[in-house]
Amino acid sequence: MVAAPPARLSGAQRARALLLPLGFTLALFAFGLLPSGRQYPEVLRSYWGAGAALLAWNAALLVQVLRSGRTLGFEVSLRPQHYFQACVQLSIYAYWGWYWRQVYQSADMIVVQLVFAYAFDALLAWSRRDTHILGFGPFPIIFSINLFLWFKPEWFYLQFVLVGLGFAAKEFIRWEKTGRRVHIFNPSSFPLAVFSAVLILTGTTHITWGQEISFTQAYPPHIYLWIFLVSLPGQFFFGITLMTMSAVLTAYAWILLYAAVTGTGFFFESIIPISSVLGMYLLFTDPATAPRSDLGRIMFGVLYGLSVVAIFGLLQSHGIPSFYDKLLLVPILNLLIQLIDQLAGSRALKRFDPAVLVARLSPRQRNVAYMSVWAVVFAVTQWWSGNDQQLARHNLLGPMLLSQGDAQGAIAEFREAARIGADHSWTHANLGVALVRIGQFQDAIAPLERAIELQPDGNTQRTLAVALAGAGQQSAAVDHFEEAIRLQPEWVEPWADLAWLRATSPDASVRDPAEAIRLASRATELSGGGNPAMLDTLAAAYASAGRFDEAIRTAEAAEALCAAGVSPELGSAIQMRLNLYRAGRPPI
């Protein structure tokens, strides 16, 4: 009996798998109805633009399938390394977002990237072969990218380009490794490195939330402990402990060496910035793009730790935002993994492989042994740097609360920072500056005096002078303005501040019109002559000396600059004083 030939599939049956990316594409359009799309027209256009591109790709692939006779399909593969990593990352988002609500407010913009990633990944795979692997793979890629870099709403379309680049690199840039054709680069770190380099070269960091992300990740209390704990399951199952531990130890070794040589901290006192720590736990540790041997993973971690401190120092020295430190060199390290494994397996180095010491243990037992060592190392580093971690957190929370209008909360954070870092001049200076900003001049005097006692500098001298003047102690303020000028003679602000005080003080022992003219003239010269605030001060000095014609001409020049768009917010105040000068009255 002859078997019947297999039934021919219709075109619709052969292409029905395309309903999957089509569904994700339509969902992307639907996200335009959510708050982010309604609030920001640029974001809505980004959603529609990405959706239109995917829709066109769907259509083109459908035509190609119908013409070629191909049958598309997918296999479901739920890999533990994907969902474990995604759960760790999601827990960090949840904890971080509790203290920086921008994370929660941007949740739909992260989810829309996931939707885009699933559609893009499927279309890319079916453009090259008939079977697509469907699983949780996009989750850790999207979550990892967004732990380090978001584009602001006006530039959000670049986020889709960033994601697409990661998946394209994973698909196209491959090599032979242990007999298999696999991707070379970590699919989140590669686009992050490329975009970081472009942002640095073009000076466009301001179009991203990169700096805000790196700062705000330090807001949650005990965030270092949180990351350590949630990372343990991944370390147990996937053997990545040695990479993280060696990277962290390398960075701490450099911190100790730098402090011994210079007497100052390299990063912030004795801590590694939390965003760099996240890179050491979650960015470069992808087992698929890391060395296979234990010694190789130690070498890989050491190289990553060295790259972080080297890039941080280089960026700092050139005035470039330092949060790029953990992003730039991961792809280069990925290229080195086979060489690293060869070196680790060489006769000269193989004897140093820790796997030799635990050869009798099973892989999971070996992971537990390494995790135990790492737990001790982590405890020691936390004991050593715990105060500095809290100090950094309070110092970051203070400005954030102040910018949100929570003055009392900000002052509480600055006071706690000054308590923990009592031997640091800047903690007292920051508290004093915050108190001056909210008009609590008398309370600001003591911390500013303490800051100067610990480390005199022109900036703090000027702030103390402002506090003293605000508290009615104008004679004492003069001394500190003069000291600020002595310490930083090219800095225009103390010249102008002292000129204003000499010109307008009701205290005859402080008011000195001739000295005010000299000081204001110097401030105007230092500012280049085109600063309306400096001209306003010089006009007040002339009026204080009774030289009203010069005061009027100078104030009119300042007013004209404001009308031309230079510091327009000063225009009304200058106009009010100009009316006084025309009436023959000084601004006292």
Protein backbone atom coordinates (compact mmCIF):
# COMPACT_ATOMS: atom_id res chain seq x y z
CA MET A 1 0.00 0.00 0.00
CA VAL A 2 1.45 3.34 -1.06
CA ALA A 3 1.45 6.11 1.57
CA ALA A 4 -0.46 9.21 0.67
CA PRO A 5 1.72 12.22 -0.04
CA PRO A 6 1.77 14.88 2.69
CA ALA A 7 -0.91 17.50 2.32
CA ARG A 8 0.27 20.73 0.76
CA LEU A 9 0.00 23.71 3.09
CA SER A 10 -1.70 26.82 1.86
CA GLY A 11 0.17 30.13 1.79
CA ALA A 12 -1.75 31.31 4.83
CA GLN A 13 -0.78 28.18 6.78
CA ARG A 14 2.88 28.52 5.80
CA ALA A 15 3.00 32.16 6.92
CA ARG A 16 0.70 32.06 9.93
CA ALA A 17 3.67 32.24 12.26
CA LEU A 18 3.94 35.88 11.16
CA LEU A 19 0.86 36.54 13.28
CA LEU A 20 3.25 36.52 16.25
CA PRO A 21 5.36 39.57 15.25
CA LEU A 22 2.24 41.16 13.78
CA GLY A 23 0.55 40.93 17.17
CA PHE A 24 3.54 42.52 18.88
CA THR A 25 3.61 45.24 16.21
CA LEU A 26 -0.06 46.08 16.74
CA ALA A 27 0.56 46.11 20.50
CA LEU A 28 3.32 48.64 19.92
CA PHE A 29 0.83 50.92 18.15
CA ALA A 30 -1.59 50.44 21.06
CA PHE A 31 1.03 51.65 23.54
CA GLY A 32 0.53 55.10 22.07
CA LEU A 33 -2.69 55.22 24.12
CA LEU A 34 -0.77 54.93 27.40
CA PRO A 35 0.39 57.97 29.45
CA SER A 36 3.85 58.18 27.91
CA GLY A 37 2.40 58.40 24.41
CA ARG A 38 -0.27 60.93 25.36
CA GLN A 39 2.11 63.10 27.39
CA TYR A 40 5.01 63.23 24.93
CA PRO A 41 4.25 63.66 21.20
CA GLU A 42 7.85 62.66 20.40
CA VAL A 43 7.38 59.33 22.18
CA LEU A 44 4.13 58.70 20.32
CA ARG A 45 5.88 59.38 17.02
CA SER A 46 8.65 56.98 18.07
CA TYR A 47 6.08 54.25 18.77
CA TRP A 48 4.34 54.82 15.45
CA GLY A 49 7.60 55.02 13.53
CA ALA A 50 8.91 51.78 15.00
CA GLY A 51 5.53 50.13 14.49
CA ALA A 52 5.38 51.26 10.85
CA ALA A 53 8.86 49.85 10.19
CA LEU A 54 7.91 46.51 11.75
CA LEU A 55 4.63 46.44 9.84
CA ALA A 56 6.45 47.00 6.56
CA TRP A 57 8.91 44.24 7.47
CA ASN A 58 5.98 41.91 8.26
CA ALA A 59 4.46 42.64 4.87
CA ALA A 60 7.73 42.19 2.97
CA LEU A 61 8.42 38.88 4.71
CA LEU A 62 4.88 37.68 4.02
CA VAL A 63 5.33 38.33 0.31
CA GLN A 64 8.68 36.56 0.32
CA VAL A 65 7.24 33.49 2.11
CA LEU A 66 4.28 33.25 -0.25
CA ARG A 67 6.54 33.44 -3.31
CA SER A 68 9.24 31.06 -2.07
CA GLY A 69 7.07 28.33 -0.61
CA ARG A 70 8.84 28.52 2.77
CA THR A 71 7.04 27.42 5.94
CA LEU A 72 7.78 29.46 9.03
CA GLY A 73 7.68 28.05 12.53
CA PHE A 74 9.03 28.55 16.02
CA GLU A 75 10.31 26.48 18.90
CA VAL A 76 9.64 27.43 22.51
CA SER A 77 12.80 27.32 24.62
CA LEU A 78 12.59 28.66 28.18
CA ARG A 79 16.20 28.90 29.27
CA PRO A 80 16.89 29.34 32.98
CA GLN A 81 19.71 31.83 32.42
CA HIS A 82 17.21 34.16 30.75
CA TYR A 83 14.43 34.13 33.32
CA PHE A 84 16.78 34.02 36.32
CA GLN A 85 18.62 37.09 35.04
CA ALA A 86 15.34 38.85 34.24
CA CYS A 87 14.02 38.22 37.76
CA VAL A 88 17.20 39.65 39.30
CA GLN A 89 16.99 42.73 37.11
CA LEU A 90 13.27 43.18 37.80
CA SER A 91 13.88 43.08 41.55
CA ILE A 92 16.46 45.85 41.17
CA TYR A 93 14.00 47.96 39.17
CA ALA A 94 11.36 47.45 41.86
CA TYR A 95 13.66 48.49 44.71
CA TRP A 96 15.29 51.35 42.82
CA GLY A 97 11.96 52.67 41.58
CA TRP A 98 10.61 52.96 45.12
CA TYR A 99 13.21 55.67 45.73
CA TRP A 100 13.30 57.18 42.22
CA ARG A 101 9.75 57.17 40.91
CA GLN A 102 10.88 57.97 37.39
CA VAL A 103 11.52 54.21 37.09
CA TYR A 104 7.88 53.37 37.78
CA GLN A 105 6.69 56.23 35.60
CA SER A 106 8.79 54.89 32.73
CA ALA A 107 7.65 51.27 33.11
CA ASP A 108 5.44 51.39 30.00
CA MET A 109 8.39 52.72 27.98
CA ILE A 110 10.45 49.70 29.08
CA VAL A 111 7.62 47.28 28.29
CA VAL A 112 7.19 48.79 24.82
CA GLN A 113 10.86 48.03 24.16
CA LEU A 114 10.16 44.39 25.09
CA VAL A 115 7.26 44.32 22.64
CA PHE A 116 9.48 45.82 19.94
CA ALA A 117 12.26 43.34 20.76
CA TYR A 118 10.01 40.29 20.40
CA ALA A 119 8.73 41.48 17.02
CA PHE A 120 12.18 42.52 15.78
CA ASP A 121 13.84 39.28 16.93
CA ALA A 122 11.22 37.09 15.24
CA LEU A 123 11.29 39.01 11.97
CA LEU A 124 15.09 39.00 11.91
CA ALA A 125 15.23 35.25 12.53
CA TRP A 126 12.63 34.41 9.87
CA SER A 127 14.37 36.67 7.40
CA ARG A 128 17.35 34.31 7.62
CA ARG A 129 15.86 30.87 8.39
CA ASP A 130 12.55 29.08 8.80
CA THR A 131 12.58 28.48 12.56
CA HIS A 132 12.65 31.05 15.34
CA ILE A 133 13.52 30.24 18.95
CA LEU A 134 10.90 31.82 21.21
CA GLY A 135 11.60 32.27 24.91
CA PHE A 136 12.53 34.80 27.56
CA GLY A 137 15.69 35.93 25.76
CA PRO A 138 14.59 39.53 25.11
CA PHE A 139 13.81 40.15 28.79
CA PRO A 140 17.39 40.27 30.19
CA ILE A 141 18.58 42.19 27.12
CA ILE A 142 15.98 44.96 27.49
CA PHE A 143 16.23 45.06 31.28
CA SER A 144 20.04 45.23 31.09
CA ILE A 145 20.07 48.03 28.53
CA ASN A 146 17.64 50.10 30.61
CA LEU A 147 19.62 49.63 33.82
CA PHE A 148 22.32 51.77 32.23
CA LEU A 149 20.93 54.03 29.50
CA TRP A 150 17.58 55.58 28.55
CA PHE A 151 16.98 58.26 26.00
CA LYS A 152 14.84 61.20 27.03
CA PRO A 153 11.36 61.45 25.47
CA GLU A 154 12.44 63.85 22.71
CA TRP A 155 14.97 61.29 21.54
CA PHE A 156 13.18 58.06 22.43
CA TYR A 157 13.28 56.69 18.88
CA LEU A 158 16.99 56.08 19.48
CA GLN A 159 16.03 53.56 22.15
CA PHE A 160 14.54 51.35 19.43
CA VAL A 161 17.70 51.75 17.37
CA LEU A 162 19.75 50.77 20.42
CA VAL A 163 17.66 47.63 20.96
CA GLY A 164 17.70 46.71 17.27
CA LEU A 165 21.48 47.03 17.14
CA GLY A 166 21.83 44.56 20.02
CA PHE A 167 19.70 41.91 18.34
CA ALA A 168 21.34 42.49 14.96
CA ALA A 169 24.81 42.04 16.49
CA LYS A 170 23.65 38.82 18.16
CA GLU A 171 22.37 37.49 14.84
CA PHE A 172 25.13 38.57 12.46
CA ILE A 173 28.40 38.79 14.44
CA ARG A 174 29.31 35.18 15.23
CA TRP A 175 32.24 32.81 15.51
CA GLU A 176 33.12 29.19 16.16
CA LYS A 177 33.38 28.39 19.84
CA THR A 178 33.72 24.84 21.19
CA GLY A 179 32.42 23.47 17.91
CA ARG A 180 29.34 25.71 17.74
CA ARG A 181 28.55 28.87 15.82
CA VAL A 182 27.61 31.38 18.53
CA HIS A 183 27.32 35.13 18.95
CA ILE A 184 30.48 36.96 20.00
CA PHE A 185 29.10 39.93 21.87
CA ASN A 186 26.82 40.28 24.84
CA PRO A 187 23.64 41.56 23.09
CA SER A 188 23.06 44.31 25.66
CA SER A 189 26.65 45.44 26.23
CA PHE A 190 27.50 45.74 22.51
CA PRO A 191 24.88 48.40 21.66
CA LEU A 192 25.55 50.16 24.97
CA ALA A 193 29.24 50.41 24.10
CA VAL A 194 28.57 51.64 20.56
CA PHE A 195 26.04 54.25 21.65
CA SER A 196 28.24 55.34 24.57
CA ALA A 197 31.13 55.98 22.20
CA VAL A 198 28.87 57.99 19.85
CA LEU A 199 27.38 60.03 22.71
CA ILE A 200 30.87 60.85 24.02
CA LEU A 201 32.24 61.79 20.61
CA THR A 202 29.24 63.99 19.79
CA GLY A 203 28.95 65.50 23.28
CA THR A 204 25.27 64.55 23.49
CA THR A 205 25.02 62.83 26.87
CA HIS A 206 22.33 65.39 27.75
CA ILE A 207 19.79 63.63 25.49
CA THR A 208 19.88 60.60 27.82
CA TRP A 209 19.06 59.87 31.45
CA GLY A 210 22.49 58.23 31.82
CA GLN A 211 23.84 60.49 34.56
CA GLU A 212 20.55 60.51 36.46
CA ILE A 213 20.43 56.72 36.34
CA SER A 214 23.95 56.39 37.74
CA PHE A 215 23.19 58.83 40.58
CA THR A 216 19.74 57.60 41.54
CA GLN A 217 20.72 53.95 41.73
CA ALA A 218 22.45 54.90 45.00
CA TYR A 219 19.21 56.22 46.55
CA PRO A 220 17.88 52.93 48.01
CA PRO A 221 19.38 52.07 51.40
CA HIS A 222 21.63 48.99 51.48
CA ILE A 223 21.51 48.72 47.69
CA TYR A 224 24.89 46.95 47.61
CA LEU A 225 23.53 44.23 49.91
CA TRP A 226 20.34 43.96 47.85
CA ILE A 227 22.26 43.38 44.61
CA PHE A 228 24.51 40.84 46.32
CA LEU A 229 21.56 38.83 47.66
CA VAL A 230 19.41 38.80 44.53
CA SER A 231 22.42 37.76 42.43
CA LEU A 232 23.16 34.64 44.47
CA PRO A 233 20.78 32.25 42.62
CA GLY A 234 22.36 33.14 39.27
CA GLN A 235 25.81 32.62 40.72
CA PHE A 236 24.78 29.21 42.03
CA PHE A 237 23.26 27.94 38.80
CA PHE A 238 25.54 29.52 36.22
CA GLY A 239 28.95 29.77 37.87
CA ILE A 240 29.57 33.49 37.37
CA THR A 241 30.82 34.22 40.90
CA LEU A 242 34.49 34.31 39.97
CA MET A 243 33.94 37.03 37.36
CA THR A 244 32.07 39.35 39.72
CA MET A 245 34.39 38.71 42.66
CA SER A 246 37.59 39.27 40.70
CA ALA A 247 36.23 42.47 39.10
CA VAL A 248 35.19 43.89 42.49
CA LEU A 249 38.47 42.90 44.17
CA THR A 250 40.48 44.46 41.33
CA ALA A 251 38.61 47.75 41.70
CA TYR A 252 39.06 47.75 45.49
CA ALA A 253 42.76 46.96 45.11
CA TRP A 254 43.09 50.03 42.88
CA ILE A 255 41.14 52.16 45.39
CA LEU A 256 43.55 51.11 48.17
CA LEU A 257 46.62 51.72 46.02
CA TYR A 258 45.37 55.11 44.86
CA ALA A 259 44.53 56.20 48.41
CA ALA A 260 47.96 55.07 49.66
CA VAL A 261 49.72 57.10 46.97
CA THR A 262 47.54 60.23 46.84
CA GLY A 263 45.72 60.28 50.18
CA THR A 264 42.36 60.73 48.40
CA GLY A 265 39.57 58.49 47.13
CA PHE A 266 39.53 57.39 43.50
CA PHE A 267 35.78 57.06 42.99
CA PHE A 268 33.90 58.39 46.02
CA GLU A 269 36.03 57.82 49.09
CA SER A 270 36.34 54.01 49.48
CA ILE A 271 33.35 52.82 47.45
CA ILE A 272 32.78 51.65 43.90
CA PRO A 273 29.86 53.58 42.35
CA ILE A 274 26.71 51.49 42.41
CA SER A 275 26.24 51.76 38.65
CA SER A 276 29.73 50.29 38.16
CA VAL A 277 28.92 47.55 40.66
CA LEU A 278 25.83 46.69 38.60
CA GLY A 279 28.11 46.28 35.60
CA MET A 280 30.26 43.87 37.60
CA TYR A 281 27.24 41.78 38.62
CA LEU A 282 24.94 41.94 35.61
CA LEU A 283 26.52 43.38 32.47
CA PHE A 284 29.72 41.54 31.57
CA THR A 285 28.89 38.23 33.30
CA ASP A 286 26.80 36.63 30.53
CA PRO A 287 28.06 33.01 30.51
CA ALA A 288 27.58 32.78 26.73
CA THR A 289 30.10 35.55 26.07
CA ALA A 290 32.56 34.79 28.90
CA PRO A 291 35.48 32.37 29.22
CA ARG A 292 34.61 28.78 30.11
CA SER A 293 37.43 27.96 32.51
CA ASP A 294 37.49 29.10 36.13
CA LEU A 295 40.89 30.74 35.79
CA GLY A 296 39.75 32.33 32.54
CA ARG A 297 36.76 33.85 34.34
CA ILE A 298 39.04 35.26 37.02
CA MET A 299 41.25 36.81 34.35
CA PHE A 300 38.14 38.14 32.57
CA GLY A 301 36.92 39.75 35.81
CA VAL A 302 40.32 41.30 36.53
CA LEU A 303 40.41 42.80 33.05
CA TYR A 304 36.91 44.21 33.45
CA GLY A 305 37.77 45.71 36.85
CA LEU A 306 40.90 47.29 35.39
CA SER A 307 38.94 48.62 32.42
CA VAL A 308 36.38 50.27 34.72
CA VAL A 309 38.99 52.14 36.79
CA ALA A 310 41.06 53.07 33.72
CA ILE A 311 38.09 54.39 31.75
CA PHE A 312 36.72 56.20 34.84
CA GLY A 313 40.03 58.01 35.32
CA LEU A 314 40.32 58.84 31.62
CA LEU A 315 36.77 60.22 31.43
CA GLN A 316 37.20 62.23 34.63
CA SER A 317 40.44 63.78 33.40
CA HIS A 318 38.73 64.97 30.20
CA GLY A 319 35.57 66.27 31.85
CA ILE A 320 33.40 63.55 30.30
CA PRO A 321 30.58 61.95 32.37
CA SER A 322 32.15 59.01 34.15
CA PHE A 323 29.10 56.71 34.15
CA TYR A 324 30.29 55.34 30.79
CA ASP A 325 33.17 53.60 32.61
CA LYS A 326 31.51 50.17 32.78
CA LEU A 327 30.03 50.27 29.27
CA LEU A 328 32.80 50.99 26.80
CA LEU A 329 35.14 48.00 26.84
CA VAL A 330 32.90 44.94 27.34
CA PRO A 331 32.79 44.11 23.59
CA ILE A 332 36.58 44.18 23.42
CA LEU A 333 36.73 41.79 26.37
CA ASN A 334 34.19 39.54 24.61
CA LEU A 335 36.59 39.34 21.66
CA LEU A 336 39.35 38.17 24.00
CA ILE A 337 37.56 35.26 25.68
CA GLN A 338 38.99 32.47 23.51
CA LEU A 339 42.50 33.86 23.95
CA ILE A 340 41.89 34.12 27.69
CA ASP A 341 40.79 30.48 27.84
CA GLN A 342 43.88 29.44 25.86
CA LEU A 343 46.14 31.30 28.28
CA ALA A 344 44.30 29.89 31.29
CA GLY A 345 44.78 26.37 29.92
CA SER A 346 48.46 26.84 29.14
CA ARG A 347 51.06 24.84 31.02
CA ALA A 348 52.38 27.97 32.71
CA LEU A 349 49.03 29.09 34.12
CA LYS A 350 46.90 25.98 34.42
CA ARG A 351 48.33 25.15 37.85
CA PHE A 352 46.85 28.39 39.17
CA ASP A 353 43.32 27.45 38.11
CA PRO A 354 41.19 27.27 41.28
CA ALA A 355 39.32 24.36 39.71
CA VAL A 356 42.39 22.25 40.53
CA LEU A 357 41.85 22.88 44.24
CA VAL A 358 38.21 21.80 44.11
CA ALA A 359 38.55 19.13 41.45
CA ARG A 360 36.67 16.56 43.56
CA LEU A 361 33.60 18.74 43.85
CA SER A 362 30.68 18.67 41.45
CA PRO A 363 30.04 21.87 39.43
CA ARG A 364 27.28 22.98 41.80
CA GLN A 365 29.42 22.24 44.87
CA ARG A 366 32.23 24.19 43.26
CA ASN A 367 29.89 27.13 42.76
CA VAL A 368 28.91 26.99 46.43
CA ALA A 369 32.59 27.00 47.42
CA TYR A 370 33.28 30.07 45.30
CA MET A 371 30.12 31.77 46.59
CA SER A 372 31.26 31.17 50.17
CA VAL A 373 34.56 32.89 49.49
CA TRP A 374 32.71 35.73 47.76
CA ALA A 375 30.36 36.13 50.75
CA VAL A 376 33.36 36.62 53.05
CA VAL A 377 34.95 39.08 50.60
CA PHE A 378 31.67 40.98 50.28
CA ALA A 379 31.26 41.18 54.06
CA VAL A 380 34.78 42.57 54.47
CA THR A 381 34.33 45.19 51.73
CA GLN A 382 30.98 46.24 53.19
CA TRP A 383 32.48 46.61 56.66
CA TRP A 384 35.30 48.70 55.20
CA SER A 385 33.19 50.93 52.95
CA GLY A 386 29.79 50.88 54.69
CA ASN A 387 30.03 54.41 56.11
CA ASP A 388 31.11 55.81 52.77
CA GLN A 389 28.17 54.11 51.06
CA GLN A 390 25.74 55.77 53.46
CA LEU A 391 27.58 59.06 53.10
CA ALA A 392 27.27 58.92 49.31
CA ARG A 393 23.58 58.06 49.57
CA HIS A 394 22.72 60.97 51.88
CA ASN A 395 24.81 63.33 49.78
CA LEU A 396 22.88 62.32 46.64
CA LEU A 397 19.44 62.34 48.26
CA GLY A 398 19.88 65.89 49.61
CA PRO A 399 20.03 67.69 46.24
CA MET A 400 17.25 65.49 44.84
CA LEU A 401 14.87 66.40 47.69
CA LEU A 402 15.86 70.05 47.45
CA SER A 403 15.04 70.09 43.73
CA GLN A 404 11.65 68.57 44.51
CA GLY A 405 10.84 71.32 47.01
CA ASP A 406 11.26 69.14 50.12
CA ALA A 407 13.61 71.51 51.92
CA GLN A 408 13.31 69.92 55.34
CA GLY A 409 13.89 66.43 53.97
CA ALA A 410 16.94 67.69 52.07
CA ILE A 411 18.38 69.39 55.16
CA ALA A 412 17.88 66.18 57.16
CA GLU A 413 19.89 64.25 54.55
CA PHE A 414 22.67 66.84 54.52
CA ARG A 415 22.79 66.85 58.34
CA GLU A 416 23.11 63.07 58.38
CA ALA A 417 25.88 63.24 55.78
CA ALA A 418 27.69 65.83 57.94
CA ARG A 419 27.31 63.56 60.96
CA ILE A 420 28.66 60.46 59.20
CA GLY A 421 31.39 62.40 57.39
CA ALA A 422 32.25 64.76 60.22
CA ASP A 423 35.90 64.91 59.15
CA HIS A 424 35.06 65.85 55.54
CA SER A 425 34.84 69.57 54.82
CA TRP A 426 32.48 69.11 51.87
CA THR A 427 29.75 67.48 53.98
CA HIS A 428 29.54 70.59 56.16
CA ALA A 429 29.83 72.85 53.13
CA ASN A 430 26.93 71.07 51.40
CA LEU A 431 24.77 71.48 54.50
CA GLY A 432 25.65 75.17 54.67
CA VAL A 433 24.90 75.73 50.98
CA ALA A 434 21.51 74.03 51.33
CA LEU A 435 20.61 76.16 54.35
CA VAL A 436 21.60 79.33 52.47
CA ARG A 437 19.47 78.29 49.51
CA ILE A 438 16.35 78.08 51.67
CA GLY A 439 17.14 81.31 53.51
CA GLN A 440 18.22 79.84 56.87
CA PHE A 441 21.29 82.06 57.01
CA GLN A 442 21.96 81.95 60.75
CA ASP A 443 21.82 78.13 60.82
CA ALA A 444 24.20 77.97 57.84
CA ILE A 445 27.03 79.81 59.57
CA ALA A 446 28.22 77.02 61.89
CA PRO A 447 28.57 74.24 59.27
CA LEU A 448 30.26 76.63 56.84
CA GLU A 449 32.74 77.72 59.50
CA ARG A 450 33.44 74.06 60.26
CA ALA A 451 34.01 73.36 56.55
CA ILE A 452 36.52 76.21 56.34
CA GLU A 453 38.25 75.00 59.49
CA LEU A 454 38.74 71.58 57.88
CA GLN A 455 39.70 72.84 54.40
CA PRO A 456 39.60 76.53 53.43
CA ASP A 457 38.53 77.30 49.89
CA GLY A 458 37.16 80.30 48.05
CA ASN A 459 33.75 78.80 47.31
CA THR A 460 32.97 78.09 50.95
CA GLN A 461 34.36 81.46 52.01
CA ARG A 462 31.94 83.16 49.63
CA THR A 463 28.98 81.06 50.81
CA LEU A 464 29.80 81.89 54.43
CA ALA A 465 29.96 85.58 53.51
CA VAL A 466 26.50 85.32 51.92
CA ALA A 467 25.18 83.61 55.05
CA LEU A 468 26.69 86.24 57.35
CA ALA A 469 25.30 89.07 55.22
CA GLY A 470 21.88 87.41 55.21
CA ALA A 471 22.05 87.03 58.99
CA GLY A 472 22.78 90.75 59.41
CA GLN A 473 26.50 90.36 60.15
CA GLN A 474 27.65 92.44 57.19
CA SER A 475 30.98 93.55 58.64
CA ALA A 476 32.01 89.90 59.12
CA ALA A 477 30.74 89.11 55.63
CA VAL A 478 33.18 91.63 54.14
CA ASP A 479 36.14 89.73 55.61
CA HIS A 480 35.03 86.44 54.05
CA PHE A 481 34.25 87.96 50.65
CA GLU A 482 37.78 89.42 50.66
CA GLU A 483 39.23 86.04 51.61
CA ALA A 484 37.30 84.39 48.76
CA ILE A 485 38.78 86.96 46.36
CA ARG A 486 42.27 86.32 47.74
CA LEU A 487 41.91 82.55 47.27
CA GLN A 488 40.29 82.72 43.81
CA PRO A 489 41.12 86.13 42.31
CA GLU A 490 39.78 85.28 38.82
CA TRP A 491 36.36 84.19 40.10
CA VAL A 492 33.87 86.94 39.32
CA GLU A 493 31.11 86.23 41.88
CA PRO A 494 32.85 87.33 45.11
CA TRP A 495 33.98 90.57 43.44
CA ALA A 496 30.38 91.32 42.46
CA ASP A 497 28.93 90.24 45.81
CA LEU A 498 31.29 92.43 47.78
CA ALA A 499 30.74 95.34 45.38
CA TRP A 500 26.98 95.09 45.90
CA LEU A 501 27.40 94.97 49.67
CA ARG A 502 29.75 97.99 49.66
CA ALA A 503 27.32 99.91 47.45
CA THR A 504 24.00 99.10 49.12
CA SER A 505 24.63 98.31 52.79
CA PRO A 506 22.64 100.45 55.26
CA ASP A 507 25.60 100.10 57.64
CA ALA A 508 27.81 103.18 57.13
CA SER A 509 30.86 101.25 58.39
CA VAL A 510 30.39 98.74 55.56
CA ARG A 511 29.20 101.03 52.76
CA ASP A 512 32.10 102.37 50.67
CA PRO A 513 31.03 103.72 47.25
CA ALA A 514 34.55 104.23 45.91
CA GLU A 515 35.54 100.68 46.85
CA ALA A 516 32.27 99.42 45.40
CA ILE A 517 33.10 101.04 42.03
CA ARG A 518 36.57 99.45 42.05
CA LEU A 519 35.18 95.99 42.87
CA ALA A 520 32.29 96.22 40.38
CA SER A 521 34.61 97.42 37.63
CA ARG A 522 36.83 94.41 38.19
CA ALA A 523 33.80 92.07 38.17
CA THR A 524 32.63 93.59 34.89
CA GLU A 525 36.10 93.17 33.41
CA LEU A 526 36.33 89.54 34.54
CA SER A 527 32.92 88.77 33.01
CA GLY A 528 33.89 90.23 29.64
CA GLY A 529 31.70 93.32 29.88
CA GLY A 530 28.56 91.66 28.54
CA ASN A 531 27.02 90.35 31.74
CA PRO A 532 23.93 92.36 32.75
CA ALA A 533 24.22 91.30 36.41
CA MET A 534 27.74 92.73 36.62
CA LEU A 535 26.67 95.94 34.86
CA ASP A 536 23.73 96.21 37.27
CA THR A 537 26.17 96.00 40.18
CA LEU A 538 28.43 98.63 38.65
CA ALA A 539 25.43 100.93 38.11
CA ALA A 540 24.47 100.53 41.78
CA ALA A 541 28.04 101.42 42.78
CA TYR A 542 27.97 104.58 40.64
CA ALA A 543 24.61 105.58 42.13
CA SER A 544 25.92 104.96 45.65
CA ALA A 545 28.73 107.46 44.87
CA GLY A 546 26.23 109.99 43.49
CA ARG A 547 27.42 109.52 39.90
CA PHE A 548 23.89 109.13 38.53
CA ASP A 549 24.64 109.87 34.86
CA GLU A 550 27.09 106.96 34.77
CA ALA A 551 24.68 104.82 36.77
CA ILE A 552 21.91 105.51 34.24
CA ARG A 553 24.09 104.73 31.20
CA THR A 554 25.37 101.53 32.78
CA ALA A 555 21.90 100.37 33.87
CA GLU A 556 20.51 101.12 30.42
CA ALA A 557 23.27 98.95 28.89
CA ALA A 558 22.34 96.14 31.30
CA GLU A 559 18.66 96.54 30.45
CA ALA A 560 19.41 96.37 26.73
CA LEU A 561 21.28 93.11 27.19
CA CYS A 562 18.31 91.65 29.08
CA ALA A 563 15.96 92.78 26.29
CA ALA A 564 18.26 91.03 23.81
CA GLY A 565 17.82 87.76 25.70
CA VAL A 566 20.84 87.80 28.01
CA SER A 567 19.53 86.96 31.51
CA PRO A 568 16.02 88.30 30.73
CA GLU A 569 14.83 87.43 34.24
CA LEU A 570 16.87 90.39 35.57
CA GLY A 571 15.14 92.93 33.33
CA SER A 572 12.33 94.05 35.68
CA ALA A 573 14.65 94.49 38.68
CA ILE A 574 17.14 96.52 36.62
CA GLN A 575 14.28 98.69 35.29
CA MET A 576 13.12 99.38 38.84
CA ARG A 577 16.61 100.48 39.91
CA LEU A 578 17.04 102.52 36.74
CA ASN A 579 13.95 104.52 37.73
CA LEU A 580 15.60 105.22 41.10
CA TYR A 581 18.75 106.50 39.42
CA ARG A 582 16.74 108.79 37.13
CA ALA A 583 15.11 110.18 40.26
CA GLY A 584 18.56 110.76 41.79
CA ARG A 585 18.21 108.05 44.44
CA PRO A 586 20.76 105.32 45.27
CA PRO A 587 19.58 101.69 45.74
CA ILE A 588 19.89 101.58 49.53
